[in-house]
Amino acid sequence: MSRVLIACEESQAVVVEMRALGITAYSCDTEPCSGGHPEWHIQQDVTQLLNEEWDMIIAFPPCTYMSKAGARFMYPTAGNVDLARLAKAQKAKDFFMLFYNSKCKRICIENPTPLKVVGLPPHSQVVQPWMFGHPYSKRTLLWLKGLPPLVATDVVQDFVPFLPSNTGSFSRGGGGSRGVAHTAKDASKTFVGVAKAMANQWGRLLSGPSFGEV
């Protein structure tokens, strides 16, 4: 029976879609799950699970210190790097690379656009919520190993930014957007349309009689 690990996912969005197809999937996070299925959730440090045999790993590692959105904190003054923040970014990269270098043959790692100074490997694909039925833009990168790029399922033509952007300019009357998500938990949300695409398109790559049994 195929086993799938959804790492750093307390929302269980992907796990729910995988389970709906009869795939044995588990979410893992240091926080309790909010998806309503604690029986499918492993609350612990995920690094302890990476030595186990998994048929697929989909990971959503923390991006706070690596994301390009935090450039103003990494470079508080022109040309100068905040060394304390850079150290935190390096620690986040080390965690990211645990998934990237995992022995699992099928891997997806999701993160926003990283700062160049972090030095993450080249990404495989860029996806947007509006490609999967949601009226929002939120540029998201995928690093893929042994998995094909996701195929858009429901392209939405009219969309608005999901995350705040250029808020300083906005407050001064310039361009920008307040976005829709205003907390870190909301911002890290996995959209249902994306979760369904991951389950439907990648779940079919798994062998065994469990697929399709609910």
Protein backbone atom coordinates (compact mmCIF):
# COMPACT_ATOMS: atom_id res chain seq x y z
CA MET A 1 0.00 0.00 0.00
CA SER A 2 1.36 3.40 -1.01
CA ARG A 3 2.12 5.93 1.73
CA VAL A 4 2.27 9.70 1.28
CA LEU A 5 3.72 12.22 3.74
CA ILE A 6 2.40 15.78 3.65
CA ALA A 7 4.98 17.68 5.68
CA CYS A 8 4.45 20.95 7.52
CA GLU A 9 0.71 20.90 6.83
CA GLU A 10 -1.53 21.46 9.84
CA SER A 11 -4.47 22.47 7.62
CA GLN A 12 -4.64 18.96 6.09
CA ALA A 13 -5.86 20.36 2.76
CA VAL A 14 -3.79 17.94 0.69
CA VAL A 15 -4.27 15.01 3.06
CA VAL A 16 -8.06 15.31 2.83
CA GLU A 17 -7.94 15.22 -0.99
CA MET A 18 -5.53 12.28 -1.00
CA ARG A 19 -7.64 10.35 1.47
CA ALA A 20 -10.77 11.02 -0.61
CA LEU A 21 -9.09 8.99 -3.36
CA GLY A 22 -8.24 6.13 -1.04
CA ILE A 23 -4.57 7.07 -0.72
CA THR A 24 -2.93 6.48 2.66
CA ALA A 25 -1.66 9.98 3.41
CA TYR A 26 -0.56 11.60 6.66
CA SER A 27 -0.01 15.24 7.52
CA CYS A 28 2.79 16.15 9.90
CA ASP A 29 3.39 19.34 11.82
CA THR A 30 4.55 20.41 15.27
CA GLU A 31 1.13 22.05 15.70
CA PRO A 32 -2.20 20.24 16.14
CA CYS A 33 -4.11 19.84 12.88
CA SER A 34 -7.00 22.16 12.02
CA GLY A 35 -8.36 20.00 9.21
CA GLY A 36 -10.60 17.92 11.44
CA HIS A 37 -8.81 14.58 11.09
CA PRO A 38 -6.34 14.04 13.94
CA GLU A 39 -6.30 10.33 13.05
CA TRP A 40 -4.43 11.30 9.86
CA HIS A 41 -2.08 13.74 11.59
CA ILE A 42 1.34 13.12 13.12
CA GLN A 43 2.18 15.92 15.55
CA GLN A 44 5.96 15.89 15.86
CA ASP A 45 9.21 17.03 14.26
CA VAL A 46 8.93 15.80 10.68
CA THR A 47 12.67 15.19 10.33
CA GLN A 48 12.24 12.02 12.36
CA LEU A 49 9.96 10.63 9.64
CA LEU A 50 12.24 11.20 6.66
CA ASN A 51 14.14 7.99 7.29
CA GLU A 52 10.97 5.98 6.81
CA GLU A 53 9.81 4.63 3.45
CA TRP A 54 7.42 6.98 1.67
CA ASP A 55 6.10 6.73 -1.87
CA MET A 56 5.67 10.49 -2.09
CA ILE A 57 6.53 13.52 0.02
CA ILE A 58 4.83 16.89 -0.43
CA ALA A 59 6.37 19.51 1.83
CA PHE A 60 5.43 23.06 2.80
CA PRO A 61 8.48 24.16 4.84
CA PRO A 62 8.46 27.57 6.59
CA CYS A 63 9.45 30.43 4.30
CA THR A 64 9.49 33.48 6.59
CA TYR A 65 13.24 34.11 6.51
CA MET A 66 13.86 32.93 2.93
CA SER A 67 11.05 34.68 1.09
CA LYS A 68 11.67 37.62 -1.21
CA ALA A 69 8.73 39.29 0.51
CA GLY A 70 11.03 39.84 3.49
CA ALA A 71 13.76 41.62 1.51
CA ARG A 72 13.35 44.84 3.49
CA PHE A 73 14.26 42.96 6.67
CA MET A 74 17.19 41.09 5.10
CA TYR A 75 18.56 44.37 3.71
CA PRO A 76 17.64 47.04 6.31
CA THR A 77 19.95 49.50 4.53
CA ALA A 78 21.11 49.46 0.93
CA GLY A 79 23.81 46.86 0.36
CA ASN A 80 23.92 45.66 3.97
CA VAL A 81 22.69 42.22 5.01
CA ASP A 82 21.19 41.63 8.43
CA LEU A 83 23.49 38.82 9.57
CA ALA A 84 21.14 37.57 12.27
CA ARG A 85 18.31 37.21 9.76
CA LEU A 86 20.65 35.61 7.23
CA ALA A 87 21.57 32.99 9.85
CA LYS A 88 17.87 32.23 10.34
CA ALA A 89 17.42 32.01 6.57
CA GLN A 90 20.30 29.54 6.37
CA LYS A 91 18.69 27.42 9.07
CA ALA A 92 15.43 27.47 7.09
CA LYS A 93 17.34 26.47 3.96
CA ASP A 94 18.93 23.54 5.79
CA PHE A 95 15.44 22.35 6.72
CA PHE A 96 14.25 22.82 3.10
CA MET A 97 17.19 20.77 1.84
CA LEU A 98 16.29 17.84 4.10
CA PHE A 99 13.26 17.34 1.87
CA TYR A 100 15.10 18.16 -1.33
CA ASN A 101 17.76 15.53 -0.59
CA SER A 102 15.35 12.94 0.78
CA LYS A 103 15.70 9.39 -0.51
CA CYS A 104 12.03 9.42 -1.56
CA LYS A 105 11.64 9.10 -5.34
CA ARG A 106 8.67 11.48 -5.64
CA ILE A 107 9.07 14.87 -3.97
CA CYS A 108 7.33 18.25 -4.18
CA ILE A 109 8.46 21.21 -2.08
CA GLU A 110 6.35 24.38 -2.10
CA ASN A 111 7.60 27.86 -1.24
CA PRO A 112 7.25 31.46 -2.42
CA THR A 113 9.98 33.15 -4.44
CA PRO A 114 13.15 33.05 -2.30
CA LEU A 115 15.81 35.70 -1.88
CA LYS A 116 18.84 35.05 -4.08
CA VAL A 117 21.16 35.34 -1.08
CA VAL A 118 19.58 32.16 0.35
CA GLY A 119 20.79 30.12 -2.62
CA LEU A 120 17.99 27.59 -3.01
CA PRO A 121 18.22 25.19 -5.98
CA PRO A 122 16.39 26.20 -9.19
CA HIS A 123 12.66 25.63 -8.95
CA SER A 124 10.72 23.39 -11.34
CA GLN A 125 7.41 25.22 -11.78
CA VAL A 126 5.44 28.36 -10.92
CA VAL A 127 1.77 27.97 -10.06
CA GLN A 128 -1.00 30.41 -9.20
CA PRO A 129 -4.36 29.89 -7.43
CA TRP A 130 -6.15 31.28 -10.49
CA MET A 131 -4.91 28.26 -12.46
CA PHE A 132 -7.00 26.00 -10.21
CA GLY A 133 -10.32 27.77 -9.85
CA HIS A 134 -9.56 30.48 -7.27
CA PRO A 135 -9.91 34.22 -8.07
CA TYR A 136 -6.54 35.11 -6.54
CA SER A 137 -2.92 35.59 -7.53
CA LYS A 138 -0.21 34.20 -5.24
CA ARG A 139 3.00 33.30 -7.03
CA THR A 140 4.12 29.95 -5.69
CA LEU A 141 7.15 27.87 -6.67
CA LEU A 142 7.37 24.10 -6.76
CA TRP A 143 10.56 22.05 -6.60
CA LEU A 144 9.77 18.66 -8.15
CA LYS A 145 11.60 15.33 -8.22
CA GLY A 146 10.01 12.33 -9.89
CA LEU A 147 6.77 14.25 -10.40
CA PRO A 148 5.45 16.02 -13.52
CA PRO A 149 4.45 19.69 -13.39
CA LEU A 150 0.90 20.32 -12.27
CA VAL A 151 -1.55 20.97 -15.09
CA ALA A 152 -4.02 23.85 -14.67
CA THR A 153 -7.53 22.58 -14.02
CA ASP A 154 -9.75 25.70 -14.04
CA VAL A 155 -8.21 28.97 -15.24
CA VAL A 156 -9.88 32.06 -13.75
CA GLN A 157 -9.51 35.23 -15.82
CA ASP A 158 -10.41 37.80 -13.16
CA PHE A 159 -8.43 37.66 -9.93
CA VAL A 160 -7.05 39.84 -7.15
CA PRO A 161 -3.88 39.59 -5.05
CA PHE A 162 -4.18 37.16 -2.16
CA LEU A 163 -1.27 38.67 -0.22
CA PRO A 164 -0.69 42.34 0.66
CA SER A 165 1.83 44.06 -1.60
CA ASN A 166 3.57 47.45 -1.57
CA THR A 167 1.69 48.32 1.59
CA GLY A 168 3.97 51.26 2.33
CA SER A 169 3.23 52.81 -1.04
CA PHE A 170 -0.47 52.04 -0.60
CA SER A 171 -0.61 53.92 2.69
CA ARG A 172 0.94 56.93 0.99
CA GLY A 173 -1.67 56.90 -1.76
CA GLY A 174 0.44 54.98 -4.27
CA GLY A 175 -0.11 51.62 -5.92
CA GLY A 176 -0.42 48.47 -3.90
CA SER A 177 -2.89 46.00 -2.49
CA ARG A 178 -4.12 45.16 1.00
CA GLY A 179 -4.67 41.62 -0.23
CA VAL A 180 -6.99 39.06 1.32
CA ALA A 181 -4.73 37.22 3.78
CA HIS A 182 -3.69 39.21 6.84
CA THR A 183 -2.15 36.56 9.10
CA ALA A 184 0.76 34.20 8.60
CA LYS A 185 -1.58 31.19 8.86
CA ASP A 186 -3.94 32.62 6.21
CA ALA A 187 -1.00 33.47 3.95
CA SER A 188 0.33 29.91 4.08
CA LYS A 189 -3.03 28.42 3.17
CA THR A 190 -3.07 25.64 0.56
CA PHE A 191 -5.93 26.30 -1.83
CA VAL A 192 -8.41 23.46 -2.27
CA GLY A 193 -8.08 23.59 -6.06
CA VAL A 194 -4.30 23.12 -5.80
CA ALA A 195 -4.71 20.33 -3.25
CA LYS A 196 -7.19 18.53 -5.53
CA ALA A 197 -4.79 18.84 -8.48
CA MET A 198 -1.93 17.39 -6.44
CA ALA A 199 -4.08 14.45 -5.34
CA ASN A 200 -5.70 13.76 -8.72
CA GLN A 201 -2.61 14.23 -10.89
CA TRP A 202 0.14 12.86 -8.67
CA GLY A 203 -1.90 10.31 -6.76
CA ARG A 204 -2.44 8.38 -9.98
CA LEU A 205 1.30 7.76 -10.18
CA LEU A 206 1.13 5.58 -7.09
CA SER A 207 0.77 1.86 -7.59
CA GLY A 208 -1.34 -0.49 -5.54
CA PRO A 209 -4.99 -1.33 -5.06
CA SER A 210 -5.60 1.44 -2.52
CA PHE A 211 -6.00 4.16 -5.15
CA GLY A 212 -9.63 4.91 -5.86
CA GLU A 213 -10.92 3.16 -2.73
CA VAL A 214 -12.58 5.53 -0.30
